[in-house]
Protein backbone atom coordinates (compact mmCIF):
# COMPACT_ATOMS: atom_id res chain seq x y z
CA UNK A 1 -24.72 37.05 -5.51
CA UNK A 2 -22.82 34.93 -7.58
CA UNK A 3 -23.05 35.19 -11.09
CA UNK A 4 -23.41 31.92 -12.96
CA UNK A 5 -21.81 33.49 -16.22
CA UNK A 6 -18.94 34.25 -15.03
CA UNK A 7 -16.99 31.59 -12.67
CA UNK A 8 -15.04 32.31 -9.58
CA UNK A 9 -11.25 32.61 -10.51
CA UNK A 10 -10.52 29.04 -9.00
CA UNK A 11 -13.23 28.09 -11.20
CA UNK A 12 -11.09 28.63 -14.32
CA UNK A 13 -9.20 26.01 -16.18
CA UNK A 14 -5.64 26.10 -15.51
CA UNK A 15 -4.93 27.15 -19.46
CA UNK A 16 -6.35 30.51 -18.12
CA UNK A 17 -4.51 30.93 -15.03
CA UNK A 18 -1.35 29.78 -15.90
CA UNK A 19 1.17 31.92 -18.79
CA UNK A 20 2.64 29.58 -21.29
CA UNK A 21 5.83 28.61 -21.16
CA UNK A 22 9.11 29.59 -23.65
CA UNK A 23 8.90 26.57 -24.76
CA UNK A 24 5.86 25.83 -25.51
CA UNK A 25 5.96 29.06 -27.62
CA UNK A 26 9.30 27.74 -29.05
CA UNK A 27 7.90 24.85 -30.19
CA UNK A 28 4.99 26.46 -31.37
CA UNK A 29 6.54 29.17 -33.48
CA UNK A 30 9.29 25.85 -34.60
CA UNK A 31 6.31 24.52 -35.84
CA UNK A 32 4.97 27.37 -37.66
CA UNK A 33 8.24 28.47 -38.95
CA UNK A 34 9.34 24.79 -40.54
CA UNK A 35 5.53 24.58 -41.91
CA UNK A 36 5.71 28.01 -43.51
CA UNK A 37 8.88 26.54 -45.27
CA UNK A 38 7.07 23.61 -46.54
CA UNK A 39 4.60 25.98 -47.71
CA UNK A 40 7.29 28.15 -49.69
CA UNK A 41 9.09 25.09 -50.96
CA UNK A 42 5.69 23.78 -52.26
CA UNK A 43 4.55 27.04 -53.92
CA UNK A 44 7.37 29.36 -54.17
CA UNK A 45 7.78 32.37 -52.51
CA UNK A 46 5.46 35.44 -53.78
CA UNK A 47 3.78 37.79 -52.30
CA UNK A 48 0.46 37.07 -53.76
CA UNK A 49 0.44 33.92 -52.17
CA UNK A 50 1.58 34.86 -48.69
CA UNK A 51 -1.79 35.39 -47.06
CA UNK A 52 -2.90 31.70 -48.03
CA UNK A 53 0.42 30.34 -46.81
CA UNK A 54 0.16 32.00 -43.64
CA UNK A 55 -3.72 30.97 -43.09
CA UNK A 56 -3.10 27.67 -44.24
CA UNK A 57 0.40 27.97 -41.96
CA UNK A 58 -1.65 28.86 -38.78
CA UNK A 59 -4.30 26.01 -39.89
CA UNK A 60 -1.68 23.44 -39.92
CA UNK A 61 0.13 24.85 -37.05
CA UNK A 62 -3.21 24.71 -34.83
CA UNK A 63 -4.06 21.14 -36.11
CA UNK A 64 -0.57 19.79 -35.26
CA UNK A 65 -0.92 20.88 -31.82
CA UNK A 66 -4.03 18.96 -31.63
CA UNK A 67 -2.27 15.89 -32.67
CA UNK A 68 0.78 15.99 -30.89
CA UNK A 69 0.63 18.81 -27.61
CA UNK A 70 3.74 20.49 -27.93
CA UNK A 71 6.80 18.98 -25.25
CA UNK A 72 5.72 15.40 -26.95
CA UNK A 73 8.77 15.90 -28.66
CA UNK A 74 11.89 17.60 -28.17
CA UNK A 75 13.27 17.61 -32.21
CA UNK A 76 17.37 17.82 -32.06
CA UNK A 77 18.46 19.66 -35.11
CA UNK A 78 22.06 18.17 -35.05
CA UNK A 79 20.65 14.18 -34.40
CA UNK A 80 18.10 14.81 -36.72
CA UNK A 81 20.62 15.75 -39.77
CA UNK A 82 21.96 12.94 -38.95
CA UNK A 83 19.17 10.79 -39.09
CA UNK A 84 18.27 12.45 -42.44
CA UNK A 85 21.53 12.09 -44.06
CA UNK A 86 21.24 8.21 -42.76
CA UNK A 87 17.92 7.76 -44.25
CA UNK A 88 18.80 9.13 -47.48
CA UNK A 89 21.55 6.76 -47.99
CA UNK A 90 19.60 4.20 -46.93
CA UNK A 91 16.87 4.89 -49.18
CA UNK A 92 19.19 5.36 -51.94
CA UNK A 93 20.83 1.88 -51.26
CA UNK A 94 18.00 -0.25 -51.01
CA UNK A 95 15.99 1.53 -53.57
CA UNK A 96 19.36 0.53 -55.75
CA UNK A 97 19.28 -3.12 -54.57
CA UNK A 98 15.66 -3.55 -54.89
CA UNK A 99 16.29 -2.45 -58.41
CA UNK A 100 19.18 -4.72 -58.69
CA UNK A 101 17.23 -7.67 -57.32
CA UNK A 102 14.05 -6.83 -59.78
CA UNK A 103 15.79 -7.20 -63.00
CA UNK A 104 18.61 -9.72 -62.40
CA UNK A 105 16.98 -13.40 -61.73
CA UNK A 106 19.91 -14.79 -60.63
CA UNK A 107 19.60 -12.74 -56.91
CA UNK A 108 18.03 -14.02 -54.40
CA UNK A 109 14.93 -12.71 -53.16
CA UNK A 110 13.70 -14.38 -49.93
CA UNK A 111 10.47 -12.22 -49.01
CA UNK A 112 9.09 -13.09 -45.41
CA UNK A 113 8.42 -11.56 -41.95
CA UNK A 114 10.91 -10.63 -39.69
CA UNK A 115 10.04 -10.17 -35.92
CA UNK A 116 11.64 -6.74 -34.40
CA UNK A 117 11.52 -5.75 -30.55
CA UNK A 118 11.73 -1.62 -30.36
CA UNK A 119 12.35 -0.32 -27.36
CA UNK A 120 10.22 2.41 -27.86
CA UNK A 121 6.65 1.73 -26.38
CA UNK A 122 3.23 2.32 -28.34
CA UNK A 123 2.46 5.64 -28.84
CA UNK A 124 3.38 8.97 -31.19
CA UNK A 125 7.33 8.37 -31.47
CA UNK A 126 6.94 4.39 -32.18
CA UNK A 127 4.20 5.43 -34.61
CA UNK A 128 6.90 8.26 -36.35
CA UNK A 129 9.28 5.50 -36.10
CA UNK A 130 7.11 3.15 -38.47
CA UNK A 131 6.61 5.70 -40.67
CA UNK A 132 9.86 6.23 -41.17
CA UNK A 133 10.48 2.40 -41.74
CA UNK A 134 7.73 2.59 -44.50
CA UNK A 135 9.33 4.90 -46.31
CA UNK A 136 12.91 2.55 -46.47
CA UNK A 137 12.82 0.49 -49.83
CA UNK A 138 12.70 -2.97 -48.70
CA UNK A 139 10.91 -3.18 -45.47
CA UNK A 140 7.07 -2.53 -44.24
CA UNK A 141 5.80 -3.02 -40.62
CA UNK A 142 2.76 -4.65 -40.95
CA UNK A 143 1.59 -5.39 -37.49
CA UNK A 144 2.97 -6.29 -33.69
CA UNK A 145 2.37 -9.24 -31.77
CA UNK A 146 0.91 -9.61 -28.29
CA UNK A 147 4.41 -9.34 -26.78
CA UNK A 148 4.69 -6.07 -28.22
CA UNK A 149 7.15 -7.19 -30.93
CA UNK A 150 6.81 -5.92 -34.74
CA UNK A 151 6.26 -7.76 -37.70
CA UNK A 152 8.32 -6.23 -40.32
CA UNK A 153 7.77 -7.52 -43.67
CA UNK A 154 11.45 -7.30 -45.70
CA UNK A 155 12.10 -8.38 -49.36
CA UNK A 156 15.40 -10.52 -48.41
CA UNK A 157 14.81 -12.24 -44.75
CA UNK A 158 18.80 -12.86 -45.12
CA UNK A 159 19.77 -9.00 -45.34
CA UNK A 160 20.60 -8.17 -41.36
CA UNK A 161 17.61 -5.81 -41.38
CA UNK A 162 16.75 -6.28 -37.39
CA UNK A 163 20.15 -4.84 -37.25
CA UNK A 164 19.97 -1.83 -39.48
CA UNK A 165 16.46 -1.00 -38.19
CA UNK A 166 17.87 -0.86 -34.57
CA UNK A 167 20.51 1.80 -36.31
CA UNK A 168 17.77 3.72 -37.71
CA UNK A 169 15.94 3.56 -34.32
CA UNK A 170 19.18 4.30 -32.13
CA UNK A 171 19.37 7.20 -34.90
CA UNK A 172 16.04 8.56 -34.73
CA UNK A 173 15.69 8.36 -30.17
CA UNK A 174 18.35 10.91 -30.70
CA UNK A 175 16.73 12.96 -33.27
CA UNK A 176 13.14 12.90 -30.91
CA UNK A 177 14.26 12.37 -27.24
CA UNK A 178 14.00 9.59 -25.27
CA UNK A 179 11.64 6.99 -25.18
CA UNK A 180 10.71 8.05 -21.82
CA UNK A 181 7.03 9.51 -21.19
CA UNK A 182 5.77 8.26 -24.74
CA UNK A 183 2.41 8.42 -24.52
């Protein structure tokens, strides 16, 4: 007689039958380590706060895995470091340029929208790239058109915004993996 409360082995979900791959656990532990490090940077190292930090890390790791399952991004540390260094350099240079233009009326501002064609298909990678570009002074992704091109608001349409975005995107793709399987 078959007991409905105990399903047959072949009826169990695949996750219950197959052990997790080592790469999955590397992704999980890498995220947890990064989130714990972020916690420690924000709160400082205090033995009294570690239980709360560990709980926050576990919860944040679980949420992270629910939002972006393991394996969707393959972070390359060296390429990520290059991307962060360029981002820092671009942020400082663009911030100075924006401030200079704001305080010197002789410098022209030509605000407008440019169209940027991204090779990243809609999905998590493109969203992460757009988030990165929104942090750069002077550029703000604001929409995409019917053909998938991105509308980027910029302070000076006379500047080489599209080529700068292409360079940022190339570094981004090297840091987080290829454009295939983006979903």
